[in-house]
């Protein structure tokens, strides 16, 4: 079936619409991840215990951050 000029215009417009929708979904996902990173970093910082040494605090913060990110559905 030969492609008419009108059909070509419709196909190009549909392709552009799909590309725009895809980029918006990517932007929203990135925004959600950034929000989760900020929230999880705050939780990790709040988990610091003054009675522990620097190494144990770092391990605790890492564990809290990792757990928070996994619960949010993202890779740490």
N, C-alpha and C. Protein backbone atom coordinates (compact mmCIF):
# COMPACT_ATOMS: atom_id res chain seq x y z
N UNK A 1 0.85 -1.17 0.00
CA UNK A 1 0.00 0.00 0.00
C UNK A 1 0.90 1.24 0.00
N UNK A 2 0.77 2.09 -1.00
CA UNK A 2 1.62 3.28 -1.06
C UNK A 2 1.26 4.27 0.04
N UNK A 3 2.30 4.98 0.52
CA UNK A 3 2.09 5.96 1.57
C UNK A 3 1.74 7.30 0.95
N UNK A 4 0.59 7.82 1.31
CA UNK A 4 0.16 9.11 0.80
C UNK A 4 0.76 10.21 1.67
N UNK A 5 0.81 11.43 1.14
CA UNK A 5 1.35 12.53 1.95
C UNK A 5 0.58 12.73 3.26
N UNK A 6 -0.73 12.57 3.22
CA UNK A 6 -1.53 12.74 4.44
C UNK A 6 -1.20 11.66 5.46
N UNK A 7 -1.02 10.44 4.96
CA UNK A 7 -0.69 9.34 5.87
C UNK A 7 0.70 9.55 6.49
N UNK A 8 1.63 10.06 5.69
CA UNK A 8 2.97 10.35 6.18
C UNK A 8 2.92 11.37 7.31
N UNK A 9 2.10 12.40 7.15
CA UNK A 9 1.96 13.44 8.17
C UNK A 9 1.41 12.84 9.46
N UNK A 10 0.43 11.98 9.34
CA UNK A 10 -0.16 11.33 10.52
C UNK A 10 0.87 10.46 11.21
N UNK A 11 1.66 9.70 10.43
CA UNK A 11 2.67 8.84 11.04
C UNK A 11 3.75 9.64 11.74
N UNK A 12 4.18 10.74 11.14
CA UNK A 12 5.19 11.59 11.77
C UNK A 12 4.64 12.21 13.05
N UNK A 13 3.41 12.68 13.02
CA UNK A 13 2.79 13.28 14.21
C UNK A 13 2.64 12.24 15.32
N UNK A 14 2.27 11.03 14.96
CA UNK A 14 2.14 9.97 15.96
C UNK A 14 3.50 9.64 16.57
N UNK A 15 4.52 9.57 15.74
CA UNK A 15 5.86 9.31 16.24
C UNK A 15 6.34 10.41 17.17
N UNK A 16 6.05 11.66 16.82
CA UNK A 16 6.44 12.79 17.67
C UNK A 16 5.70 12.73 19.00
N UNK A 17 4.43 12.37 18.96
CA UNK A 17 3.65 12.26 20.19
C UNK A 17 4.19 11.19 21.11
N UNK A 18 4.58 10.07 20.54
CA UNK A 18 5.16 8.98 21.34
C UNK A 18 6.48 9.43 21.95
N UNK A 19 7.30 10.13 21.19
CA UNK A 19 8.60 10.61 21.70
C UNK A 19 8.41 11.59 22.85
N UNK A 20 7.44 12.49 22.72
CA UNK A 20 7.17 13.46 23.79
C UNK A 20 6.67 12.75 25.04
N UNK A 21 5.75 11.82 24.90
CA UNK A 21 5.22 11.08 26.04
C UNK A 21 6.33 10.29 26.73
N UNK A 22 7.21 9.71 25.95
CA UNK A 22 8.32 8.95 26.51
C UNK A 22 9.26 9.84 27.30
N UNK A 23 9.57 11.02 26.77
CA UNK A 23 10.48 11.93 27.47
C UNK A 23 9.85 12.47 28.75
N UNK A 24 8.53 12.70 28.75
CA UNK A 24 7.86 13.15 29.96
C UNK A 24 7.87 12.06 31.03
N UNK A 25 7.67 10.82 30.62
CA UNK A 25 7.69 9.71 31.58
C UNK A 25 9.08 9.56 32.17
N UNK A 26 10.11 9.73 31.36
CA UNK A 26 11.49 9.65 31.85
C UNK A 26 11.77 10.78 32.83
N UNK A 27 11.30 11.98 32.53
CA UNK A 27 11.51 13.12 33.42
C UNK A 27 10.81 12.90 34.75
N UNK A 28 9.60 12.36 34.72
CA UNK A 28 8.88 12.09 35.96
C UNK A 28 9.58 11.03 36.79
N UNK A 29 10.08 9.99 36.14
CA UNK A 29 10.79 8.93 36.86
C UNK A 29 12.06 9.47 37.50
N UNK A 30 12.77 10.34 36.78
CA UNK A 30 13.99 10.93 37.33
C UNK A 30 13.66 11.84 38.51
N UNK A 31 12.57 12.57 38.40
CA UNK A 31 12.15 13.44 39.50
C UNK A 31 11.80 12.61 40.73
N UNK A 32 11.10 11.50 40.52
CA UNK A 32 10.74 10.61 41.63
C UNK A 32 11.98 10.03 42.28
N UNK A 33 12.96 9.64 41.47
CA UNK A 33 14.20 9.08 42.01
C UNK A 33 14.97 10.13 42.80
N UNK A 34 15.04 11.35 42.27
CA UNK A 34 15.74 12.42 42.99
C UNK A 34 15.10 12.69 44.35
N UNK A 35 13.78 12.68 44.39
CA UNK A 35 13.08 12.89 45.65
C UNK A 35 13.39 11.76 46.63
N UNK A 36 13.41 10.52 46.14
CA UNK A 36 13.73 9.38 47.00
C UNK A 36 15.16 9.46 47.52
N UNK A 37 16.10 9.86 46.66
CA UNK A 37 17.50 10.00 47.09
C UNK A 37 17.60 11.02 48.21
N UNK A 38 16.95 12.16 48.04
CA UNK A 38 17.01 13.20 49.08
C UNK A 38 16.41 12.71 50.39
N UNK A 39 15.25 12.05 50.31
CA UNK A 39 14.58 11.54 51.51
C UNK A 39 15.44 10.48 52.20
N UNK A 40 16.03 9.58 51.42
CA UNK A 40 16.82 8.50 51.99
C UNK A 40 18.14 9.00 52.56
N UNK A 41 18.72 10.01 51.92
CA UNK A 41 19.95 10.58 52.47
C UNK A 41 19.67 11.26 53.81
N UNK A 42 18.53 11.92 53.92
CA UNK A 42 18.16 12.56 55.18
C UNK A 42 17.96 11.50 56.27
N UNK A 43 17.31 10.40 55.92
CA UNK A 43 17.13 9.31 56.90
C UNK A 43 18.47 8.74 57.32
N UNK A 44 19.36 8.57 56.37
CA UNK A 44 20.69 8.01 56.68
C UNK A 44 21.46 8.93 57.61
N UNK A 45 21.42 10.23 57.34
CA UNK A 45 22.12 11.18 58.21
C UNK A 45 21.53 11.19 59.61
N UNK A 46 20.21 11.05 59.69
CA UNK A 46 19.53 11.05 61.00
C UNK A 46 19.84 9.80 61.80
N UNK A 47 20.33 8.75 61.15
CA UNK A 47 20.60 7.50 61.86
C UNK A 47 21.95 7.49 62.57
N UNK A 48 22.71 8.59 62.46
CA UNK A 48 24.03 8.67 63.07
C UNK A 48 23.91 8.58 64.59
N UNK A 49 24.77 7.79 65.19
CA UNK A 49 24.81 7.62 66.65
C UNK A 49 26.15 8.15 67.14
N UNK A 50 26.11 9.13 68.04
CA UNK A 50 27.35 9.75 68.52
C UNK A 50 28.22 8.77 69.31
N UNK A 51 27.65 7.68 69.79
CA UNK A 51 28.41 6.72 70.56
C UNK A 51 29.17 5.71 69.70
N UNK A 52 28.92 5.71 68.41
CA UNK A 52 29.62 4.81 67.51
C UNK A 52 30.76 5.54 66.83
N UNK A 53 31.73 4.80 66.39
CA UNK A 53 32.84 5.39 65.66
C UNK A 53 32.43 5.74 64.23
N UNK A 54 33.34 6.40 63.53
CA UNK A 54 33.06 6.85 62.16
C UNK A 54 32.76 5.69 61.23
N UNK A 55 33.50 4.60 61.36
CA UNK A 55 33.31 3.46 60.46
C UNK A 55 31.94 2.82 60.69
N UNK A 56 31.57 2.63 61.94
CA UNK A 56 30.27 2.01 62.22
C UNK A 56 29.12 2.93 61.81
N UNK A 57 29.29 4.23 62.00
CA UNK A 57 28.26 5.18 61.55
C UNK A 57 28.11 5.14 60.04
N UNK A 58 29.22 5.06 59.33
CA UNK A 58 29.16 5.01 57.87
C UNK A 58 28.45 3.74 57.41
N UNK A 59 28.75 2.64 58.05
CA UNK A 59 28.07 1.38 57.70
C UNK A 59 26.58 1.46 57.99
N UNK A 60 26.24 2.04 59.12
CA UNK A 60 24.82 2.18 59.48
C UNK A 60 24.12 3.08 58.46
N UNK A 61 24.73 4.20 58.13
CA UNK A 61 24.12 5.12 57.16
C UNK A 61 23.94 4.45 55.80
N UNK A 62 24.93 3.68 55.40
CA UNK A 62 24.84 2.97 54.12
C UNK A 62 23.68 1.98 54.14
N UNK A 63 23.54 1.25 55.24
CA UNK A 63 22.45 0.26 55.36
C UNK A 63 21.09 0.95 55.35
N UNK A 64 20.97 2.07 56.06
CA UNK A 64 19.70 2.79 56.11
C UNK A 64 19.35 3.34 54.73
N UNK A 65 20.33 3.94 54.05
CA UNK A 65 20.10 4.49 52.71
C UNK A 65 19.68 3.39 51.74
N UNK A 66 20.40 2.29 51.77
CA UNK A 66 20.10 1.18 50.85
C UNK A 66 18.69 0.64 51.08
N UNK A 67 18.34 0.42 52.33
CA UNK A 67 17.02 -0.09 52.67
C UNK A 67 15.92 0.88 52.23
N UNK A 68 16.13 2.16 52.48
CA UNK A 68 15.14 3.18 52.10
C UNK A 68 14.93 3.20 50.60
N UNK A 69 16.02 3.18 49.84
CA UNK A 69 15.91 3.21 48.37
C UNK A 69 15.21 1.95 47.83
N UNK A 70 15.52 0.80 48.42
CA UNK A 70 14.87 -0.44 47.96
C UNK A 70 13.39 -0.40 48.28
N UNK A 71 13.02 0.13 49.44
CA UNK A 71 11.61 0.22 49.79
C UNK A 71 10.88 1.20 48.88
N UNK A 72 11.59 2.20 48.38
CA UNK A 72 10.99 3.16 47.46
C UNK A 72 10.90 2.61 46.04
N UNK A 73 11.54 1.45 45.81
CA UNK A 73 11.47 0.82 44.49
C UNK A 73 12.59 1.22 43.55
N UNK A 74 13.68 1.75 44.11
CA UNK A 74 14.80 2.16 43.28
C UNK A 74 16.06 1.41 43.68
N UNK A 75 17.02 1.36 42.75
CA UNK A 75 18.32 0.79 43.09
C UNK A 75 19.08 1.83 43.91
N UNK A 76 19.79 1.39 44.95
CA UNK A 76 20.54 2.35 45.78
C UNK A 76 21.67 3.02 45.03
